[in-house]
């Protein structure tokens, strides 16, 4: 018996093709071994032609009907994830960063003994007692602590780690999963508010996170953008009554 019946894996990719290509075979191997039916959706959102060619070359040399590269009309991680969600085939969706700082093997911990998701929204956490957060720069740890603090205070989201890029959704029950408005990194935060709106239970799972220095995150500008996005989210969802 395999781990899970059907799975869509969404991977946002903006100039991360070289990093993803180092991990893609391990993702394929995991799916072949553990999933009966699967698809890997690589959603390009602003990659240069040079980087796109890297992925095209890999796929032409390693044809696999389960891998699909699609392009987002908008730039941004949130825009890419939404494109993937709207084009995914299966009820269970795993969202992962292109560098797989959390190994795809951790999906084992997202399901129960019968292969069902632990809840309709399962999220990896780098901040639980059993978690391991390896090789992450101190500046990024401090930024993350500050961001989590304001997420809890402003938005009332009592989750240890909203920004870990390893999450799974049951689309059948989490019906508003693709209605977030943020095109950037803060789309994650909206997911928790959308889950709250439907009274969707959220399960946090401790993971081992290995920081990748090749990641295209700007530690100066991206936190500032996320702060602005958080304010926009606060104003939008306060009007809807999801934030007191």
C-alpha atoms as a PDB file:
ATOM      1  CA  UNK A   1       0.000   0.000   0.000  1.00  0.00           C
ATOM      2  CA  UNK A   2       1.360   3.399  -0.973  1.00  0.00           C
ATOM      3  CA  UNK A   3       1.478   6.401   1.324  1.00  0.00           C
ATOM      4  CA  UNK A   4      -1.175   8.460  -0.480  1.00  0.00           C
ATOM      5  CA  UNK A   5      -3.545   7.995  -3.414  1.00  0.00           C
ATOM      6  CA  UNK A   6      -3.331  11.248  -5.393  1.00  0.00           C
ATOM      7  CA  UNK A   7      -1.123  14.307  -4.938  1.00  0.00           C
ATOM      8  CA  UNK A   8      -0.434  17.561  -6.726  1.00  0.00           C
ATOM      9  CA  UNK A   9       2.853  19.256  -5.810  1.00  0.00           C
ATOM     10  CA  UNK A  10       3.041  22.983  -6.571  1.00  0.00           C
ATOM     11  CA  UNK A  11       6.479  24.559  -6.811  1.00  0.00           C
ATOM     12  CA  UNK A  12       6.679  28.344  -7.367  1.00  0.00           C
ATOM     13  CA  UNK A  13       9.825  29.178  -9.305  1.00  0.00           C
ATOM     14  CA  UNK A  14      11.344  32.586  -9.994  1.00  0.00           C
ATOM     15  CA  UNK A  15      14.927  32.111 -11.160  1.00  0.00           C
ATOM     16  CA  UNK A  16      15.206  29.074  -8.893  1.00  0.00           C
ATOM     17  CA  UNK A  17      15.514  26.581 -11.727  1.00  0.00           C
ATOM     18  CA  UNK A  18      19.146  25.725 -10.982  1.00  0.00           C
ATOM     19  CA  UNK A  19      18.310  25.087  -7.300  1.00  0.00           C
ATOM     20  CA  UNK A  20      15.209  23.060  -8.168  1.00  0.00           C
ATOM     21  CA  UNK A  21      17.091  20.897 -10.631  1.00  0.00           C
ATOM     22  CA  UNK A  22      19.306  19.713  -7.780  1.00  0.00           C
ATOM     23  CA  UNK A  23      16.223  18.377  -5.953  1.00  0.00           C
ATOM     24  CA  UNK A  24      13.718  17.469  -8.661  1.00  0.00           C
ATOM     25  CA  UNK A  25      14.872  13.863  -9.104  1.00  0.00           C
ATOM     26  CA  UNK A  26      14.459  13.156  -5.393  1.00  0.00           C
ATOM     27  CA  UNK A  27      10.916  14.554  -5.596  1.00  0.00           C
ATOM     28  CA  UNK A  28      10.124  12.309  -8.572  1.00  0.00           C
ATOM     29  CA  UNK A  29      11.598   9.286  -6.780  1.00  0.00           C
ATOM     30  CA  UNK A  30       9.517  10.035  -3.675  1.00  0.00           C
ATOM     31  CA  UNK A  31       6.317  10.258  -5.707  1.00  0.00           C
ATOM     32  CA  UNK A  32       7.024   7.118  -7.705  1.00  0.00           C
ATOM     33  CA  UNK A  33       7.578   5.177  -4.506  1.00  0.00           C
ATOM     34  CA  UNK A  34       4.817   6.631  -2.345  1.00  0.00           C
ATOM     35  CA  UNK A  35       2.012   8.116  -4.470  1.00  0.00           C
ATOM     36  CA  UNK A  36      -0.316   6.228  -6.807  1.00  0.00           C
ATOM     37  CA  UNK A  37      -1.147   9.229  -8.990  1.00  0.00           C
ATOM     38  CA  UNK A  38       0.813  12.457  -8.865  1.00  0.00           C
ATOM     39  CA  UNK A  39       1.686  15.604 -10.731  1.00  0.00           C
ATOM     40  CA  UNK A  40       4.484  18.113 -10.211  1.00  0.00           C
ATOM     41  CA  UNK A  41       3.457  21.627 -11.231  1.00  0.00           C
ATOM     42  CA  UNK A  42       6.404  23.972 -11.644  1.00  0.00           C
ATOM     43  CA  UNK A  43       4.935  27.476 -11.825  1.00  0.00           C
ATOM     44  CA  UNK A  44       7.301  29.985 -13.397  1.00  0.00           C
ATOM     45  CA  UNK A  45       6.723  33.569 -12.279  1.00  0.00           C
ATOM     46  CA  UNK A  46       9.302  35.926 -13.705  1.00  0.00           C
ATOM     47  CA  UNK A  47      12.281  33.671 -14.448  1.00  0.00           C
ATOM     48  CA  UNK A  48      14.759  34.828 -17.068  1.00  0.00           C
ATOM     49  CA  UNK A  49      14.901  33.061 -20.392  1.00  0.00           C
ATOM     50  CA  UNK A  50      18.256  31.563 -19.391  1.00  0.00           C
ATOM     51  CA  UNK A  51      16.714  29.946 -16.312  1.00  0.00           C
ATOM     52  CA  UNK A  52      13.639  28.775 -18.201  1.00  0.00           C
ATOM     53  CA  UNK A  53      15.941  27.086 -20.688  1.00  0.00           C
ATOM     54  CA  UNK A  54      17.583  25.139 -17.854  1.00  0.00           C
ATOM     55  CA  UNK A  55      14.259  23.549 -16.936  1.00  0.00           C
ATOM     56  CA  UNK A  56      13.237  23.018 -20.566  1.00  0.00           C
ATOM     57  CA  UNK A  57      16.520  21.237 -21.207  1.00  0.00           C
ATOM     58  CA  UNK A  58      16.054  18.947 -18.202  1.00  0.00           C
ATOM     59  CA  UNK A  59      12.522  17.988 -19.218  1.00  0.00           C
ATOM     60  CA  UNK A  60      13.490  17.343 -22.840  1.00  0.00           C
ATOM     61  CA  UNK A  61      16.228  14.990 -21.644  1.00  0.00           C
ATOM     62  CA  UNK A  62      14.069  13.422 -18.911  1.00  0.00           C
ATOM     63  CA  UNK A  63      10.507  13.309 -20.269  1.00  0.00           C
ATOM     64  CA  UNK A  64       7.901  12.678 -17.575  1.00  0.00           C
ATOM     65  CA  UNK A  65       4.181  13.045 -18.168  1.00  0.00           C
ATOM     66  CA  UNK A  66       3.696  13.859 -14.484  1.00  0.00           C
ATOM     67  CA  UNK A  67       5.755  17.061 -14.667  1.00  0.00           C
ATOM     68  CA  UNK A  68       4.071  20.176 -16.008  1.00  0.00           C
ATOM     69  CA  UNK A  69       5.705  23.602 -16.319  1.00  0.00           C
ATOM     70  CA  UNK A  70       3.222  26.463 -16.455  1.00  0.00           C
ATOM     71  CA  UNK A  71       3.710  30.214 -16.369  1.00  0.00           C
ATOM     72  CA  UNK A  72       2.011  32.741 -14.104  1.00  0.00           C
ATOM     73  CA  UNK A  73       0.790  35.966 -15.670  1.00  0.00           C
ATOM     74  CA  UNK A  74       1.871  37.789 -12.519  1.00  0.00           C
ATOM     75  CA  UNK A  75       5.190  37.852 -10.689  1.00  0.00           C
ATOM     76  CA  UNK A  76       5.194  36.757  -7.055  1.00  0.00           C
ATOM     77  CA  UNK A  77       5.091  33.608  -4.962  1.00  0.00           C
ATOM     78  CA  UNK A  78       1.413  34.033  -4.118  1.00  0.00           C
ATOM     79  CA  UNK A  79       0.500  34.545  -7.772  1.00  0.00           C
ATOM     80  CA  UNK A  80       2.428  31.402  -8.698  1.00  0.00           C
ATOM     81  CA  UNK A  81       0.771  29.329  -5.983  1.00  0.00           C
ATOM     82  CA  UNK A  82      -2.692  30.513  -7.030  1.00  0.00           C
ATOM     83  CA  UNK A  83      -1.929  29.602 -10.649  1.00  0.00           C
ATOM     84  CA  UNK A  84      -0.873  26.169  -9.476  1.00  0.00           C
ATOM     85  CA  UNK A  85      -3.937  25.692  -7.269  1.00  0.00           C
ATOM     86  CA  UNK A  86      -6.238  26.669 -10.118  1.00  0.00           C
ATOM     87  CA  UNK A  87      -4.552  24.185 -12.452  1.00  0.00           C
ATOM     88  CA  UNK A  88      -3.973  21.279 -10.061  1.00  0.00           C
ATOM     89  CA  UNK A  89      -5.680  17.970 -10.784  1.00  0.00           C
ATOM     90  CA  UNK A  90      -5.906  16.354  -7.383  1.00  0.00           C
ATOM     91  CA  UNK A  91      -7.735  17.005  -4.127  1.00  0.00           C
ATOM     92  CA  UNK A  92      -4.579  16.919  -2.002  1.00  0.00           C
ATOM     93  CA  UNK A  93      -2.079  19.655  -2.801  1.00  0.00           C
ATOM     94  CA  UNK A  94       1.416  20.041  -1.377  1.00  0.00           C
ATOM     95  CA  UNK A  95       3.034  23.471  -1.768  1.00  0.00           C
ATOM     96  CA  UNK A  96       6.820  23.599  -1.521  1.00  0.00           C
ATOM     97  CA  UNK A  97       9.590  26.107  -2.085  1.00  0.00           C
ATOM     98  CA  UNK A  98      11.809  25.331  -5.056  1.00  0.00           C
ATOM     99  CA  UNK A  99      14.863  24.681  -2.893  1.00  0.00           C
ATOM    100  CA  UNK A 100      13.039  22.026  -0.808  1.00  0.00           C
ATOM    101  CA  UNK A 101      14.627  23.345   2.378  1.00  0.00           C
ATOM    102  CA  UNK A 102      12.091  20.992   3.927  1.00  0.00           C
ATOM    103  CA  UNK A 103      12.576  17.615   2.281  1.00  0.00           C
ATOM    104  CA  UNK A 104       9.618  16.170   0.390  1.00  0.00           C
ATOM    105  CA  UNK A 105      10.014  13.108   2.647  1.00  0.00           C
ATOM    106  CA  UNK A 106       8.281  15.104   5.391  1.00  0.00           C
ATOM    107  CA  UNK A 107       4.995  14.547   3.591  1.00  0.00           C
ATOM    108  CA  UNK A 108       5.088  11.200   5.436  1.00  0.00           C
ATOM    109  CA  UNK A 109       4.378  13.151   8.629  1.00  0.00           C
ATOM    110  CA  UNK A 110       1.481  15.039   7.037  1.00  0.00           C
ATOM    111  CA  UNK A 111      -0.712  11.943   6.700  1.00  0.00           C
ATOM    112  CA  UNK A 112      -2.109   9.356   9.079  1.00  0.00           C
ATOM    113  CA  UNK A 113      -1.730   5.573   8.929  1.00  0.00           C
ATOM    114  CA  UNK A 114      -4.504   5.360   6.367  1.00  0.00           C
ATOM    115  CA  UNK A 115      -2.885   7.907   4.057  1.00  0.00           C
ATOM    116  CA  UNK A 116      -5.269  10.794   4.767  1.00  0.00           C
ATOM    117  CA  UNK A 117      -4.072  14.313   5.576  1.00  0.00           C
ATOM    118  CA  UNK A 118      -3.976  14.946   9.327  1.00  0.00           C
ATOM    119  CA  UNK A 119      -6.403  17.839   8.710  1.00  0.00           C
ATOM    120  CA  UNK A 120      -7.627  19.929   5.806  1.00  0.00           C
ATOM    121  CA  UNK A 121      -4.681  22.307   6.281  1.00  0.00           C
ATOM    122  CA  UNK A 122      -1.341  20.857   7.381  1.00  0.00           C
ATOM    123  CA  UNK A 123       1.684  23.140   7.719  1.00  0.00           C
ATOM    124  CA  UNK A 124       5.337  22.554   8.418  1.00  0.00           C
ATOM    125  CA  UNK A 125       6.850  24.476  11.299  1.00  0.00           C
ATOM    126  CA  UNK A 126      10.461  25.444  11.946  1.00  0.00           C
ATOM    127  CA  UNK A 127       9.626  26.709  15.422  1.00  0.00           C
ATOM    128  CA  UNK A 128       8.086  23.861  17.393  1.00  0.00           C
ATOM    129  CA  UNK A 129      10.055  22.111  20.108  1.00  0.00           C
ATOM    130  CA  UNK A 130      10.819  19.103  17.889  1.00  0.00           C
ATOM    131  CA  UNK A 131      11.703  21.225  14.832  1.00  0.00           C
ATOM    132  CA  UNK A 132      15.214  21.743  13.518  1.00  0.00           C
ATOM    133  CA  UNK A 133      16.156  25.038  11.877  1.00  0.00           C
ATOM    134  CA  UNK A 134      19.615  24.554  10.422  1.00  0.00           C
ATOM    135  CA  UNK A 135      22.088  26.986   8.854  1.00  0.00           C
ATOM    136  CA  UNK A 136      19.640  29.885   8.946  1.00  0.00           C
ATOM    137  CA  UNK A 137      21.364  33.301   9.306  1.00  0.00           C
ATOM    138  CA  UNK A 138      20.719  35.092  12.600  1.00  0.00           C
ATOM    139  CA  UNK A 139      19.327  38.109  10.733  1.00  0.00           C
ATOM    140  CA  UNK A 140      16.665  35.950   9.139  1.00  0.00           C
ATOM    141  CA  UNK A 141      15.790  34.276  12.447  1.00  0.00           C
ATOM    142  CA  UNK A 142      15.314  37.685  14.090  1.00  0.00           C
ATOM    143  CA  UNK A 143      13.209  38.940  11.182  1.00  0.00           C
ATOM    144  CA  UNK A 144      11.073  35.804  11.375  1.00  0.00           C
ATOM    145  CA  UNK A 145      10.482  36.218  15.114  1.00  0.00           C
ATOM    146  CA  UNK A 146       9.387  39.819  14.609  1.00  0.00           C
ATOM    147  CA  UNK A 147       7.097  38.906  11.731  1.00  0.00           C
ATOM    148  CA  UNK A 148       5.461  36.068  13.676  1.00  0.00           C
ATOM    149  CA  UNK A 149       4.894  38.402  16.625  1.00  0.00           C
ATOM    150  CA  UNK A 150       3.022  40.949  14.503  1.00  0.00           C
ATOM    151  CA  UNK A 151       1.052  38.216  12.722  1.00  0.00           C
ATOM    152  CA  UNK A 152      -0.219  37.052  16.115  1.00  0.00           C
ATOM    153  CA  UNK A 153      -0.905  40.553  17.468  1.00  0.00           C
ATOM    154  CA  UNK A 154      -2.427  42.145  14.364  1.00  0.00           C
ATOM    155  CA  UNK A 155      -4.108  39.192  12.711  1.00  0.00           C
ATOM    156  CA  UNK A 156      -4.834  36.901  15.636  1.00  0.00           C
ATOM    157  CA  UNK A 157      -3.178  33.906  13.980  1.00  0.00           C
ATOM    158  CA  UNK A 158      -1.869  31.710  16.779  1.00  0.00           C
ATOM    159  CA  UNK A 159       0.472  29.613  14.651  1.00  0.00           C
ATOM    160  CA  UNK A 160       4.166  29.225  15.416  1.00  0.00           C
ATOM    161  CA  UNK A 161       5.337  29.540  11.804  1.00  0.00           C
ATOM    162  CA  UNK A 162       3.112  30.922   9.042  1.00  0.00           C
ATOM    163  CA  UNK A 163       5.917  31.310   6.509  1.00  0.00           C
ATOM    164  CA  UNK A 164       7.432  27.837   6.276  1.00  0.00           C
ATOM    165  CA  UNK A 165       7.226  26.985   2.583  1.00  0.00           C
ATOM    166  CA  UNK A 166       5.888  23.452   3.064  1.00  0.00           C
ATOM    167  CA  UNK A 167       2.098  23.204   3.346  1.00  0.00           C
ATOM    168  CA  UNK A 168      -0.654  20.802   2.311  1.00  0.00           C
ATOM    169  CA  UNK A 169      -4.307  21.524   1.547  1.00  0.00           C
ATOM    170  CA  UNK A 170      -7.394  19.394   1.089  1.00  0.00           C
ATOM    171  CA  UNK A 171      -9.134  21.338  -1.685  1.00  0.00           C
ATOM    172  CA  UNK A 172     -12.432  19.484  -1.248  1.00  0.00           C
ATOM    173  CA  UNK A 173     -13.075  20.970   2.202  1.00  0.00           C
ATOM    174  CA  UNK A 174     -10.791  24.020   2.139  1.00  0.00           C
ATOM    175  CA  UNK A 175     -12.992  25.453  -0.600  1.00  0.00           C
ATOM    176  CA  UNK A 176     -11.767  29.074  -0.453  1.00  0.00           C
ATOM    177  CA  UNK A 177      -8.092  28.083  -0.613  1.00  0.00           C
ATOM    178  CA  UNK A 178      -7.492  30.080  -3.817  1.00  0.00           C
ATOM    179  CA  UNK A 179      -9.235  33.345  -2.937  1.00  0.00           C
ATOM    180  CA  UNK A 180      -6.262  35.132  -1.353  1.00  0.00           C
ATOM    181  CA  UNK A 181      -5.350  38.498  -2.900  1.00  0.00           C
ATOM    182  CA  UNK A 182      -1.658  38.804  -2.074  1.00  0.00           C
ATOM    183  CA  UNK A 183       0.649  37.992  -4.980  1.00  0.00           C
ATOM    184  CA  UNK A 184       3.781  37.995  -2.807  1.00  0.00           C
ATOM    185  CA  UNK A 185       5.130  36.017   0.153  1.00  0.00           C
ATOM    186  CA  UNK A 186       2.285  37.023   2.473  1.00  0.00           C
ATOM    187  CA  UNK A 187      -0.250  34.870   0.661  1.00  0.00           C
ATOM    188  CA  UNK A 188       0.574  32.295   3.384  1.00  0.00           C
ATOM    189  CA  UNK A 189      -0.907  34.540   6.050  1.00  0.00           C
ATOM    190  CA  UNK A 190      -4.137  34.863   4.111  1.00  0.00           C
ATOM    191  CA  UNK A 191      -4.447  31.088   3.932  1.00  0.00           C
ATOM    192  CA  UNK A 192      -4.733  30.951   7.721  1.00  0.00           C
ATOM    193  CA  UNK A 193      -7.431  33.628   7.728  1.00  0.00           C
ATOM    194  CA  UNK A 194      -9.320  31.860   4.946  1.00  0.00           C
ATOM    195  CA  UNK A 195      -9.113  28.635   6.950  1.00  0.00           C
ATOM    196  CA  UNK A 196     -10.427  30.511   9.980  1.00  0.00           C
ATOM    197  CA  UNK A 197     -13.371  31.776   7.920  1.00  0.00           C
ATOM    198  CA  UNK A 198     -14.427  28.189   7.128  1.00  0.00           C
ATOM    199  CA  UNK A 199     -13.469  26.897  10.596  1.00  0.00           C
ATOM    200  CA  UNK A 200     -10.895  24.650   8.936  1.00  0.00           C
ATOM    201  CA  UNK A 201      -8.646  22.952  11.466  1.00  0.00           C
ATOM    202  CA  UNK A 202      -4.924  23.549  11.001  1.00  0.00           C
ATOM    203  CA  UNK A 203      -2.271  21.047  12.044  1.00  0.00           C
ATOM    204  CA  UNK A 204       1.337  22.089  12.613  1.00  0.00           C
ATOM    205  CA  UNK A 205       4.025  19.479  12.025  1.00  0.00           C
ATOM    206  CA  UNK A 206       7.633  19.947  13.195  1.00  0.00           C
ATOM    207  CA  UNK A 207      10.108  19.732  10.322  1.00  0.00           C
ATOM    208  CA  UNK A 208      13.810  19.896   9.688  1.00  0.00           C
ATOM    209  CA  UNK A 209      14.513  23.055   7.727  1.00  0.00           C
ATOM    210  CA  UNK A 210      17.923  23.480   6.067  1.00  0.00           C
ATOM    211  CA  UNK A 211      18.522  27.031   4.893  1.00  0.00           C
ATOM    212  CA  UNK A 212      19.695  27.350   1.301  1.00  0.00           C
ATOM    213  CA  UNK A 213      22.032  30.254   0.538  1.00  0.00           C
ATOM    214  CA  UNK A 214      21.085  30.028  -3.144  1.00  0.00           C
ATOM    215  CA  UNK A 215      17.540  31.162  -2.377  1.00  0.00           C
ATOM    216  CA  UNK A 216      16.449  34.352  -4.156  1.00  0.00           C
ATOM    217  CA  UNK A 217      15.000  36.012  -1.043  1.00  0.00           C
ATOM    218  CA  UNK A 218      16.182  39.564  -0.354  1.00  0.00           C
ATOM    219  CA  UNK A 219      16.592  39.892   3.405  1.00  0.00           C
ATOM    220  CA  UNK A 220      16.183  43.693   3.271  1.00  0.00           C
ATOM    221  CA  UNK A 221      13.408  44.416   0.785  1.00  0.00           C
ATOM    222  CA  UNK A 222      11.278  41.291   1.114  1.00  0.00           C
ATOM    223  CA  UNK A 223      10.552  41.781   4.861  1.00  0.00           C
ATOM    224  CA  UNK A 224       9.543  45.393   4.117  1.00  0.00           C
ATOM    225  CA  UNK A 225       7.197  44.227   1.369  1.00  0.00           C
ATOM    226  CA  UNK A 226       5.734  41.629   3.716  1.00  0.00           C
ATOM    227  CA  UNK A 227       5.131  44.305   6.378  1.00  0.00           C
ATOM    228  CA  UNK A 228       3.168  46.411   3.881  1.00  0.00           C
ATOM    229  CA  UNK A 229       1.244  43.337   2.728  1.00  0.00           C
ATOM    230  CA  UNK A 230       0.409  42.460   6.332  1.00  0.00           C
ATOM    231  CA  UNK A 231      -1.160  45.897   6.786  1.00  0.00           C
ATOM    232  CA  UNK A 232      -3.236  45.420   3.624  1.00  0.00           C
ATOM    233  CA  UNK A 233      -4.364  42.009   4.855  1.00  0.00           C
ATOM    234  CA  UNK A 234      -5.236  43.454   8.264  1.00  0.00           C
ATOM    235  CA  UNK A 235      -7.432  46.160   6.722  1.00  0.00           C
ATOM    236  CA  UNK A 236      -9.143  43.766   4.310  1.00  0.00           C
ATOM    237  CA  UNK A 237      -9.982  41.050   6.814  1.00  0.00           C
ATOM    238  CA  UNK A 238     -10.910  43.444   9.605  1.00  0.00           C
ATOM    239  CA  UNK A 239     -13.659  44.757   7.355  1.00  0.00           C
ATOM    240  CA  UNK A 240     -14.812  41.141   6.892  1.00  0.00           C
ATOM    241  CA  UNK A 241     -14.885  40.631  10.633  1.00  0.00           C
ATOM    242  CA  UNK A 242     -12.202  37.918  10.689  1.00  0.00           C
ATOM    243  CA  UNK A 243      -9.967  40.185  12.745  1.00  0.00           C
ATOM    244  CA  UNK A 244     -11.308  41.950  15.818  1.00  0.00           C
END
